[in-house]
Protein backbone atom coordinates (compact mmCIF):
# COMPACT_ATOMS: atom_id res chain seq x y z
CA MET A 1 81.00 102.24 121.82
CA GLU A 2 81.83 105.90 122.18
CA ASN A 3 80.53 108.52 119.75
CA SER A 4 83.50 108.34 117.40
CA LYS A 5 82.95 110.79 114.58
CA VAL A 6 84.49 113.02 112.01
CA THR A 7 83.50 116.62 112.55
CA ASN A 8 84.39 119.87 110.87
CA SER A 9 83.23 121.62 113.99
CA LEU A 10 86.62 122.89 115.03
CA LEU A 11 84.80 125.91 116.45
CA PRO A 12 84.79 126.18 120.23
CA PRO A 13 81.57 124.95 121.95
CA ALA A 14 80.07 128.47 121.97
CA GLY A 15 79.85 128.52 118.21
CA ARG A 16 80.19 124.98 116.96
CA LYS A 17 78.03 124.17 113.95
CA SER A 18 76.79 120.65 113.20
CA PHE A 19 78.79 118.89 110.54
CA ARG A 20 76.49 118.34 107.53
CA SER A 21 77.93 114.99 106.51
CA VAL A 22 79.22 112.47 109.15
CA LEU A 23 80.72 109.03 108.61
CA LEU A 24 77.91 106.46 108.19
CA GLY A 25 77.91 103.60 110.65
CA ALA A 26 80.17 102.89 113.57
CA VAL A 27 83.95 102.99 113.43
CA ALA A 28 85.48 100.12 115.31
CA LEU A 29 88.60 100.93 117.23
CA ALA A 30 90.64 97.91 118.30
CA ALA A 31 93.50 97.83 120.75
CA VAL A 32 96.39 95.50 119.98
CA GLY A 33 98.01 93.92 122.98
CA GLY A 34 100.59 91.31 123.79
CA LEU A 35 102.56 91.94 120.62
CA THR A 36 106.30 91.31 120.75
CA ILE A 37 108.41 93.12 118.17
CA GLU A 38 111.99 91.98 117.69
CA ALA A 39 114.64 94.43 116.57
CA LEU A 40 115.90 93.83 113.03
CA PRO A 41 119.52 94.33 111.94
CA VAL A 42 118.99 97.56 110.00
CA ALA A 43 122.49 97.53 108.56
CA THR A 44 121.67 94.41 106.53
CA HIS A 45 119.50 96.39 104.10
CA PRO A 46 120.72 99.56 102.32
CA ALA A 47 117.34 101.29 102.59
CA PHE A 48 117.18 100.75 106.34
CA ALA A 49 120.78 101.79 106.74
CA ALA A 50 120.10 105.05 104.90
CA ALA A 51 116.94 105.70 106.89
CA ALA A 52 118.83 105.23 110.14
CA THR A 53 121.01 108.23 109.32
CA VAL A 54 118.02 110.56 108.74
CA SER A 55 117.47 113.15 111.44
CA ALA A 56 114.45 112.62 113.66
CA GLY A 57 113.36 116.18 112.92
CA PRO A 58 114.33 119.77 113.53
CA ALA A 59 115.54 120.63 117.02
CA SER A 60 113.06 123.51 117.10
CA PHE A 61 110.29 125.07 115.02
CA ALA A 62 110.81 128.46 116.65
CA ASP A 63 112.31 130.15 113.58
CA VAL A 64 109.45 129.01 111.36
CA VAL A 65 106.86 130.07 113.94
CA ASP A 66 108.45 133.50 114.29
CA HIS A 67 108.23 133.87 110.51
CA VAL A 68 104.54 132.89 110.13
CA LYS A 69 102.71 133.66 113.37
CA GLY A 70 102.00 137.29 112.47
CA ALA A 71 99.88 136.16 109.51
CA VAL A 72 97.57 133.93 111.57
CA VAL A 73 94.46 135.55 113.05
CA SER A 74 91.52 134.74 115.26
CA VAL A 75 88.17 135.02 113.46
CA LYS A 76 85.11 135.99 115.50
CA VAL A 77 81.65 136.03 113.99
CA LYS A 78 78.16 136.94 115.09
CA ILE A 79 75.81 134.30 113.70
CA ASP A 80 72.09 134.45 113.03
CA GLN A 81 71.10 131.37 115.00
CA SER A 82 67.62 131.27 113.47
CA LYS A 83 69.18 130.38 110.10
CA ALA A 84 72.13 128.27 111.21
CA SER A 85 72.00 124.69 112.50
CA PHE A 86 73.27 124.16 116.04
CA ASP A 87 73.49 121.03 118.16
CA GLY A 88 72.06 122.53 121.32
CA GLU A 89 75.12 123.56 123.32
CA ASP A 90 76.61 125.99 120.83
CA SER A 91 74.60 129.09 121.55
CA GLN A 92 75.48 131.54 124.25
CA SER A 93 71.78 132.47 124.55
CA GLN A 94 69.22 129.65 124.65
CA PRO A 95 65.87 129.83 122.85
CA MET A 96 62.67 129.90 124.85
CA PRO A 97 61.06 126.46 125.34
CA ASN A 98 58.38 125.64 122.81
CA PHE A 99 55.29 126.10 124.99
CA PRO A 100 51.78 126.29 123.43
CA LYS A 101 51.07 129.77 122.07
CA GLY A 102 48.98 131.90 124.38
CA GLY A 103 49.37 129.46 127.29
CA PRO A 104 50.31 130.53 130.82
CA MET A 105 53.83 129.06 130.62
CA GLU A 106 54.57 130.95 127.39
CA LYS A 107 53.40 134.20 128.99
CA PHE A 108 55.49 133.52 132.10
CA PHE A 109 58.70 132.93 130.16
CA ARG A 110 58.07 135.91 127.90
CA GLN A 111 57.72 138.09 130.99
CA PHE A 112 60.77 136.73 132.82
CA GLY A 113 62.68 135.32 129.87
CA GLU A 114 65.68 137.62 130.25
CA ARG A 115 66.69 135.63 133.31
CA GLY A 116 67.22 132.41 131.44
CA PHE A 117 66.11 132.55 127.86
CA GLY A 118 67.06 135.98 126.57
CA GLY A 119 63.51 137.29 126.50
CA GLN A 120 63.50 137.04 122.70
CA GLU A 121 60.43 136.58 120.57
CA HIS A 122 60.22 133.46 118.40
CA ASP A 123 60.22 135.49 115.21
CA GLN A 124 63.19 137.68 116.20
CA PRO A 125 66.71 136.73 115.12
CA ARG A 126 68.67 134.90 117.80
CA MET A 127 72.34 135.74 117.70
CA ALA A 128 75.30 133.65 118.84
CA MET A 129 79.04 134.16 118.79
CA ALA A 130 81.48 131.75 117.17
CA GLN A 131 85.25 131.69 116.89
CA GLY A 132 87.66 130.15 114.43
CA SER A 133 91.00 130.86 112.81
CA GLY A 134 92.30 132.27 109.55
CA PHE A 135 95.41 133.61 107.87
CA PHE A 136 96.43 136.53 105.66
CA ILE A 137 97.41 135.61 102.10
CA SER A 138 98.15 139.13 100.88
CA ALA A 139 99.54 142.39 102.27
CA ASP A 140 96.30 144.22 101.46
CA GLY A 141 94.27 142.11 103.87
CA TYR A 142 92.75 139.04 102.20
CA ILE A 143 92.17 136.22 104.71
CA VAL A 144 91.45 132.51 104.21
CA THR A 145 89.21 130.61 106.65
CA ASN A 146 86.54 127.88 106.59
CA ASN A 147 83.05 128.34 105.20
CA HIS A 148 81.55 126.79 108.34
CA VAL A 149 83.26 129.48 110.44
CA VAL A 150 81.49 132.36 108.67
CA ASP A 151 78.32 130.62 107.45
CA HIS A 152 75.27 132.81 108.26
CA ALA A 153 77.56 135.44 109.77
CA LYS A 154 76.09 138.89 110.44
CA ASP A 155 79.34 140.49 111.56
CA VAL A 156 82.93 139.32 111.21
CA THR A 157 85.98 140.63 113.06
CA ILE A 158 89.54 139.37 113.14
CA THR A 159 92.07 139.72 115.90
CA THR A 160 95.77 139.80 115.03
CA THR A 161 98.59 138.36 117.13
CA ASP A 162 99.31 141.80 118.59
CA GLY A 163 95.72 142.07 119.83
CA LYS A 164 94.35 144.47 117.23
CA THR A 165 90.71 143.87 116.30
CA ILE A 166 89.65 144.73 112.74
CA PRO A 167 86.25 144.36 111.02
CA ALA A 168 86.19 142.13 107.94
CA ARG A 169 83.71 141.26 105.22
CA VAL A 170 83.04 137.99 103.42
CA ILE A 171 84.23 138.11 99.80
CA GLY A 172 82.99 134.65 98.88
CA THR A 173 82.39 131.15 100.20
CA ASP A 174 82.54 127.65 98.76
CA PRO A 175 80.57 125.13 100.84
CA LYS A 176 81.69 122.22 98.66
CA THR A 177 85.28 122.57 99.89
CA ASP A 178 84.43 124.40 103.14
CA LEU A 179 86.57 127.41 102.23
CA ALA A 180 85.88 131.13 102.54
CA LEU A 181 87.70 134.34 101.65
CA LEU A 182 87.51 137.46 103.82
CA LYS A 183 89.01 140.93 103.53
CA VAL A 184 89.64 143.39 106.32
CA THR A 185 87.92 146.74 105.94
CA GLU A 186 90.97 148.74 107.03
CA GLY A 187 93.87 149.32 104.69
CA GLY A 188 97.37 148.44 105.74
CA ASP A 189 100.45 146.38 105.08
CA TYR A 190 99.65 143.06 106.73
CA PRO A 191 102.07 140.14 107.22
CA PHE A 192 101.02 137.24 105.02
CA VAL A 193 101.96 133.70 104.06
CA SER A 194 101.90 131.80 100.77
CA PHE A 195 100.61 128.42 99.66
CA ALA A 196 103.24 125.75 99.03
CA SER A 197 104.09 125.06 95.41
CA GLN A 198 104.46 121.33 96.06
CA ALA A 199 102.27 118.92 97.99
CA PRO A 200 103.83 117.41 101.11
CA ARG A 201 104.77 113.78 101.32
CA VAL A 202 103.41 111.37 103.88
CA GLY A 203 105.80 111.60 106.81
CA ASP A 204 106.76 115.26 106.30
CA TRP A 205 106.74 117.53 109.33
CA VAL A 206 103.87 120.01 109.57
CA ILE A 207 102.94 122.81 112.00
CA ALA A 208 99.35 123.78 112.78
CA VAL A 209 98.73 127.32 114.02
CA GLY A 210 95.35 128.57 115.20
CA ASN A 211 92.99 129.60 117.95
CA PRO A 212 91.97 126.39 119.77
CA PHE A 213 89.14 126.83 122.28
CA GLY A 214 89.46 130.58 121.82
CA LEU A 215 92.77 130.64 123.70
CA GLY A 216 94.59 132.68 121.05
CA GLY A 217 97.60 131.88 118.89
CA THR A 218 98.71 128.31 119.53
CA VAL A 219 101.26 126.14 117.72
CA THR A 220 101.29 122.34 117.47
CA ALA A 221 103.51 120.06 115.38
CA GLY A 222 103.24 116.63 113.82
CA ILE A 223 103.53 114.85 110.50
CA VAL A 224 101.41 114.22 107.41
CA SER A 225 99.75 110.88 108.16
CA ALA A 226 98.00 110.39 104.80
CA ARG A 227 96.90 112.20 101.66
CA GLY A 228 93.80 112.18 99.48
CA ARG A 229 91.41 111.40 102.32
CA ASP A 230 87.66 111.34 101.55
CA ILE A 231 85.75 111.92 104.79
CA GLY A 232 82.31 112.28 103.23
CA SER A 233 81.99 116.02 103.75
CA GLY A 234 81.49 116.94 100.09
CA PRO A 235 81.86 115.84 96.47
CA TYR A 236 85.42 117.14 96.14
CA ASP A 237 87.04 115.82 99.33
CA ASP A 238 90.83 115.72 99.04
CA PHE A 239 92.15 116.13 102.56
CA LEU A 240 95.54 115.86 104.17
CA GLN A 241 95.42 113.80 107.34
CA ILE A 242 97.76 115.17 109.99
CA ASP A 243 98.57 114.19 113.57
CA ALA A 244 99.46 117.70 114.74
CA PRO A 245 96.85 118.31 117.48
CA VAL A 246 94.01 120.55 116.26
CA ASN A 247 90.92 121.33 118.32
CA HIS A 248 87.74 123.39 118.30
CA GLY A 249 88.70 126.90 117.25
CA ASN A 250 91.40 125.72 114.83
CA SER A 251 88.90 125.77 111.96
CA GLY A 252 90.30 127.80 109.08
CA GLY A 253 93.80 127.94 110.50
CA PRO A 254 96.84 127.05 108.39
CA THR A 255 99.01 123.95 108.39
CA PHE A 256 102.59 124.84 107.44
CA ASN A 257 105.48 122.78 106.16
CA ALA A 258 108.95 123.17 107.68
CA ASN A 259 109.64 126.06 105.27
CA GLY A 260 106.70 128.11 106.54
CA GLU A 261 104.52 127.51 103.46
CA VAL A 262 100.83 126.67 103.78
CA VAL A 263 100.15 123.05 102.82
CA GLY A 264 96.61 122.85 104.16
CA VAL A 265 93.65 124.62 105.77
CA ASN A 266 92.52 122.91 109.00
CA THR A 267 88.90 121.84 108.61
CA ALA A 268 87.88 118.67 110.45
CA ILE A 269 88.88 116.23 113.15
CA PHE A 270 88.11 112.61 113.93
CA SER A 271 87.10 112.65 117.56
CA PRO A 272 85.45 110.27 120.02
CA SER A 273 85.24 113.02 122.65
CA GLY A 274 85.23 116.36 120.81
CA GLY A 275 88.95 117.01 121.32
CA SER A 276 92.02 116.06 119.31
CA VAL A 277 93.04 112.40 119.22
CA GLY A 278 95.76 112.98 116.66
CA ILE A 279 93.61 112.64 113.53
CA GLY A 280 92.97 115.97 111.86
CA PHE A 281 92.06 116.88 108.28
CA ALA A 282 93.16 119.88 106.26
CA VAL A 283 92.07 121.00 102.78
CA ALA A 284 95.12 120.41 100.59
CA SER A 285 96.87 123.56 99.36
CA ASP A 286 96.50 122.73 95.67
CA VAL A 287 92.71 122.58 96.14
CA ALA A 288 92.65 125.69 98.33
CA LYS A 289 94.75 127.77 95.91
CA SER A 290 92.40 127.38 92.97
CA VAL A 291 89.24 127.83 95.06
CA ILE A 292 90.54 130.96 96.80
CA GLN A 293 91.67 132.48 93.51
CA SER A 294 88.19 131.95 92.06
CA LEU A 295 86.58 133.51 95.12
CA LYS A 296 88.91 136.49 94.84
CA ASP A 297 88.22 136.96 91.12
CA ASP A 298 84.49 136.20 90.96
CA GLY A 299 83.19 135.73 94.50
CA LYS A 300 82.26 132.14 93.61
CA VAL A 301 83.75 128.97 92.16
CA ALA A 302 82.86 127.93 88.61
CA ARG A 303 83.19 124.18 88.09
CA GLY A 304 83.01 121.98 85.07
CA TRP A 305 79.87 119.89 84.58
CA LEU A 306 79.63 116.66 82.64
CA GLY A 307 76.01 115.79 83.42
CA VAL A 308 76.20 112.14 84.45
CA GLN A 309 75.04 110.09 87.39
CA ILE A 310 77.93 107.85 88.31
CA GLN A 311 78.92 105.15 90.76
CA PRO A 312 82.17 103.37 91.67
CA VAL A 313 83.21 100.24 89.77
CA THR A 314 83.13 97.55 92.46
CA GLN A 315 84.88 94.22 92.00
CA ASP A 316 81.53 92.56 91.32
CA ILE A 317 80.70 95.08 88.61
CA ALA A 318 84.17 94.73 87.12
CA ASP A 319 83.81 90.94 87.00
CA SER A 320 80.34 91.10 85.43
CA MET A 321 81.57 93.53 82.76
CA GLY A 322 84.77 91.62 82.06
CA LEU A 323 87.02 94.46 83.26
CA LYS A 324 90.56 93.72 84.40
CA GLU A 325 90.44 96.16 87.33
CA SER A 326 87.79 97.65 89.59
CA LYS A 327 88.74 101.20 88.63
CA GLY A 328 86.99 104.04 86.84
CA ALA A 329 83.50 105.51 87.11
CA LEU A 330 80.39 103.70 85.87
CA VAL A 331 77.82 105.90 84.13
CA ASP A 332 74.40 105.23 85.64
CA LYS A 333 72.71 107.81 83.46
CA ALA A 334 73.67 110.60 81.07
CA GLU A 335 71.38 113.55 81.82
CA LYS A 336 69.16 114.84 79.03
CA ASP A 337 70.63 117.84 77.16
CA SER A 338 73.90 117.51 79.12
CA PRO A 339 77.47 117.65 77.74
CA ALA A 340 77.69 113.90 78.35
CA ALA A 341 74.60 113.20 76.26
CA ALA A 342 75.82 115.51 73.48
CA ALA A 343 79.16 113.66 73.39
CA GLY A 344 77.43 110.28 73.14
CA LEU A 345 78.04 108.84 76.60
CA LYS A 346 75.63 106.03 77.40
CA ASP A 347 74.37 104.20 80.46
CA GLY A 348 76.83 101.45 81.36
CA ASP A 349 79.91 103.19 79.96
CA VAL A 350 82.94 103.13 82.27
CA ILE A 351 85.04 106.30 82.20
CA THR A 352 88.68 105.32 82.79
CA SER A 353 90.60 108.55 82.13
CA VAL A 354 90.22 112.30 81.59
CA ASN A 355 92.78 113.97 79.30
CA GLY A 356 95.08 111.02 79.77
CA GLU A 357 94.88 110.99 83.58
CA ALA A 358 93.54 107.75 85.00
CA VAL A 359 90.24 107.90 86.90
CA ALA A 360 90.46 105.96 90.15
CA ASP A 361 86.78 106.05 91.04
CA SER A 362 83.62 108.13 90.75
CA HIS A 363 84.85 110.63 93.33
CA ASP A 364 88.07 111.13 91.40
CA LEU A 365 86.11 111.75 88.18
CA ALA A 366 83.98 114.42 89.90
CA ARG A 367 87.11 116.24 91.10
CA LYS A 368 88.81 116.09 87.71
CA ILE A 369 85.79 117.36 85.78
CA ALA A 370 85.09 120.14 88.29
CA ALA A 371 88.70 121.32 88.23
CA LEU A 372 88.69 121.73 84.43
CA GLY A 373 85.97 124.37 84.57
CA PRO A 374 83.12 125.31 82.22
CA LYS A 375 83.50 125.40 78.43
CA LYS A 376 86.71 123.35 78.54
CA GLU A 377 87.21 120.38 76.23
CA ALA A 378 88.08 117.02 77.70
CA ASP A 379 89.10 113.72 76.14
CA LEU A 380 87.38 110.83 77.92
CA ALA A 381 88.61 107.27 77.60
CA ILE A 382 85.72 104.86 78.12
CA ILE A 383 85.04 101.15 78.05
CA ARG A 384 81.82 100.20 76.25
CA ASN A 385 80.79 96.58 75.72
CA GLY A 386 84.31 95.43 76.46
CA SER A 387 86.08 97.71 73.99
CA THR A 388 87.98 100.93 74.67
CA GLN A 389 87.25 104.15 72.84
CA THR A 390 87.85 107.87 73.24
CA MET A 391 85.34 110.68 72.96
CA LYS A 392 85.66 114.45 73.18
CA VAL A 393 83.29 116.46 75.34
CA THR A 394 82.83 120.19 75.95
CA LEU A 395 81.99 120.71 79.60
CA GLY A 396 79.15 122.86 80.85
CA ALA A 397 78.91 124.92 84.03
CA MET A 398 77.97 123.28 87.32
CA GLN A 399 74.40 124.12 88.28
CA ASP A 400 73.56 125.88 91.50
CA GLU A 401 73.50 123.95 94.76
CA LYS A 402 69.83 123.03 94.60
CA GLN A 403 70.02 121.72 91.05
CA ALA A 404 73.29 119.91 91.70
CA MET A 405 71.72 118.09 94.64
CA ALA A 406 68.80 117.10 92.44
CA ASP A 407 71.24 115.52 89.99
CA THR A 408 72.87 113.13 92.49
CA PRO A 409 72.27 109.38 92.07
CA GLU A 410 70.61 109.13 95.49
CA ALA A 411 68.24 112.01 94.70
CA HIS A 412 67.36 110.31 91.42
CA ALA A 413 66.80 107.06 93.32
CA LYS A 414 64.45 108.77 95.76
CA ASP A 415 62.35 110.23 92.94
CA ALA A 416 62.33 106.98 90.98
CA MET A 417 61.35 104.80 93.92
CA ALA A 418 58.58 107.24 94.87
CA LYS A 419 56.91 106.30 91.59
CA TYR A 420 56.78 102.70 92.82
CA GLY A 421 55.37 103.87 96.14
CA MET A 422 58.36 103.01 98.29
CA SER A 423 61.48 104.55 99.77
CA LEU A 424 64.81 102.80 100.23
CA GLU A 425 67.81 103.01 102.56
CA PRO A 426 71.16 101.17 102.52
CA ALA A 427 71.01 98.16 104.85
CA THR A 428 74.18 99.41 106.57
CA ALA A 429 72.33 102.57 107.59
CA VAL A 430 69.45 100.72 109.27
CA GLU A 431 70.09 99.10 112.63
CA GLY A 432 69.52 95.35 112.58
CA ALA A 433 69.16 95.14 108.79
CA GLY A 434 72.53 93.52 108.20
CA LYS A 435 75.42 94.53 105.98
CA THR A 436 74.10 93.63 102.52
CA GLY A 437 71.27 94.88 100.37
CA VAL A 438 68.87 97.81 100.43
CA VAL A 439 66.08 98.12 103.01
CA VAL A 440 62.53 99.08 102.07
CA ALA A 441 62.03 101.92 104.56
CA ASP A 442 58.43 102.80 103.67
CA VAL A 443 55.70 101.51 101.35
CA ASP A 444 52.59 103.21 100.00
CA PRO A 445 49.80 100.61 100.39
CA ASP A 446 48.33 101.78 97.08
CA GLY A 447 51.63 101.77 95.16
CA ALA A 448 53.07 99.35 92.63
CA ALA A 449 55.54 97.89 95.13
CA ALA A 450 52.79 97.02 97.63
CA GLN A 451 50.80 95.32 94.86
CA LYS A 452 53.77 93.02 94.33
CA GLY A 453 53.82 92.11 98.00
CA ILE A 454 56.81 94.25 98.97
CA ALA A 455 56.51 95.42 102.57
CA THR A 456 58.33 97.77 104.91
CA GLY A 457 61.41 96.04 106.33
CA ASP A 458 62.02 93.82 103.30
CA VAL A 459 65.60 93.81 102.03
CA ILE A 460 66.36 93.94 98.28
CA LEU A 461 69.46 91.81 97.74
CA GLN A 462 69.80 91.75 93.94
CA VAL A 463 68.32 93.48 90.92
CA ALA A 464 68.74 91.93 87.47
CA GLY A 465 71.18 89.45 88.99
CA LYS A 466 73.49 92.09 90.46
CA PRO A 467 73.94 92.69 94.20
CA VAL A 468 72.81 96.13 95.38
CA SER A 469 74.03 98.14 98.36
CA ASN A 470 72.56 101.61 97.74
CA PRO A 471 69.21 102.91 96.44
CA SER A 472 71.05 104.25 93.39
CA ASP A 473 72.18 100.67 92.58
CA VAL A 474 68.52 99.64 92.40
CA THR A 475 67.49 102.47 90.10
CA ALA A 476 70.60 102.01 87.94
CA ALA A 477 69.73 98.36 87.37
CA ILE A 478 66.09 99.21 86.59
CA ASP A 479 67.15 101.99 84.22
CA ALA A 480 69.59 99.65 82.49
CA ALA A 481 66.88 97.03 82.04
CA LYS A 482 64.49 99.61 80.64
CA SER A 483 67.18 100.91 78.25
CA GLY A 484 67.68 97.32 77.11
CA GLY A 485 64.02 97.07 76.14
CA LYS A 486 62.93 94.93 79.10
CA LYS A 487 59.46 95.56 80.48
CA SER A 488 60.26 94.15 83.92
CA VAL A 489 63.24 93.46 86.12
CA LEU A 490 63.75 90.60 88.56
CA MET A 491 64.55 91.52 92.16
CA GLN A 492 65.64 89.14 94.90
CA VAL A 493 63.87 90.21 98.10
CA LYS A 494 64.51 88.91 101.62
CA THR A 495 61.54 89.01 104.00
CA ALA A 496 61.40 88.13 107.68
CA ASP A 497 60.70 84.48 106.83
CA SER A 498 62.24 83.74 103.46
CA THR A 499 63.83 84.97 100.25
CA ARG A 500 61.85 85.33 97.02
CA PHE A 501 62.03 86.91 93.57
CA VAL A 502 59.74 89.76 92.52
CA ALA A 503 59.28 90.97 88.93
CA LEU A 504 58.87 94.74 88.98
CA SER A 505 57.78 96.72 85.92
CA THR A 506 60.37 99.10 84.48
CA GLU A 507 57.68 101.47 83.26
CA ALA A 508 57.34 103.18 86.63
CA VAL A 509 60.76 104.80 86.15
CA SER A 510 60.80 107.87 83.91
């Protein structure tokens, strides 16, 4: 299979940065052949008859392009390569090979390094150039682009459609949504565009404008293929999927509707080869508007914080809890001294709505809570022990990046399993492990797990009678058993030869 992937590296090869979160596992692409489709009598159904009269689209986008193209710019940045992560072919100057210090080869390449390796010392900054796109959102020179375009940037310049190059500075960035706000350092009256007041519908025409492969202003057209896409790039994914061709260098460029309003910020592509295959992703305008306004006002984004570890409600969980639908967010744990704990949320509660808006899943809950902001009150509808109740909570402020990462269910699972002397990985992430369960990736021979006969390569299928698919499922089940007063929990473990049950103490989890 080819290397099909989702990447937010829409930068050209000279400055592409590795995408931090890629789709796990392989994506199967199947070709359908030999399919005969018979024409249907469209006039027999009113809906089809009405659709048949709809125009196939505008005869030309030229008027819209003339209106918006002056606001779209090329963004060029000088990046400190020693701090950024590159995939090997992104840098215009390669680092010196890692020869032993003081050896003859190191001395040779230091002496003649300028002919192939830049002649730079290991401890000196290595600089690379990257290019992306952006667009003016105000006459005084504020510009929207992607965070991954300007991440670790030392110098930023923008080039307008008339070829003028202007220095710019970074006002603020938001890695969680991959957005950044710049401002040119020269005053002026710049052409600008506005965000759309309404979200586009699936099937609406869109126009992507940007700087693909560093070629300069380029326009492509297509339609909105889907909305609300979660591509695994961050906790607040809410992307438009478009089929307007976007390529490396389109990062940070705008996607317009047919009225010339910005409906999205081009961020990622699904690509087997590195180029466009008609599946692009843009940060939706309603997300971008609020983030950019926060960056303009405060230089950062303040998000609401509930303080819970959560997981989706799968059909199995819904059935075991007697729920009618597999919707909502299951509380694995309410953090100590968090807004959730103060409000009385407990492990095992299922949050079904926030301020009357239904919660589809754990990802949807995270977005809703974050969007409310710190110090805001929220009414949560929950299901506890089969009954529905409502509780009021005053949200806190989202911790910094490091602390937020420490609060994720998988981070908690890593810490908890370390106390048993083992580390876990989803079976789907380990080649040859199958599609169900959680693989024991490593075992401390002196740990509690090893004493119970658990070995590297074993697969945990169930904990407390519930199937598990992620390390956080294992710790959630152990935590629940401990909260219920149980001193041990029964795990079903598959070895190379057989399947057996292991009773593991709950006391190892804090």
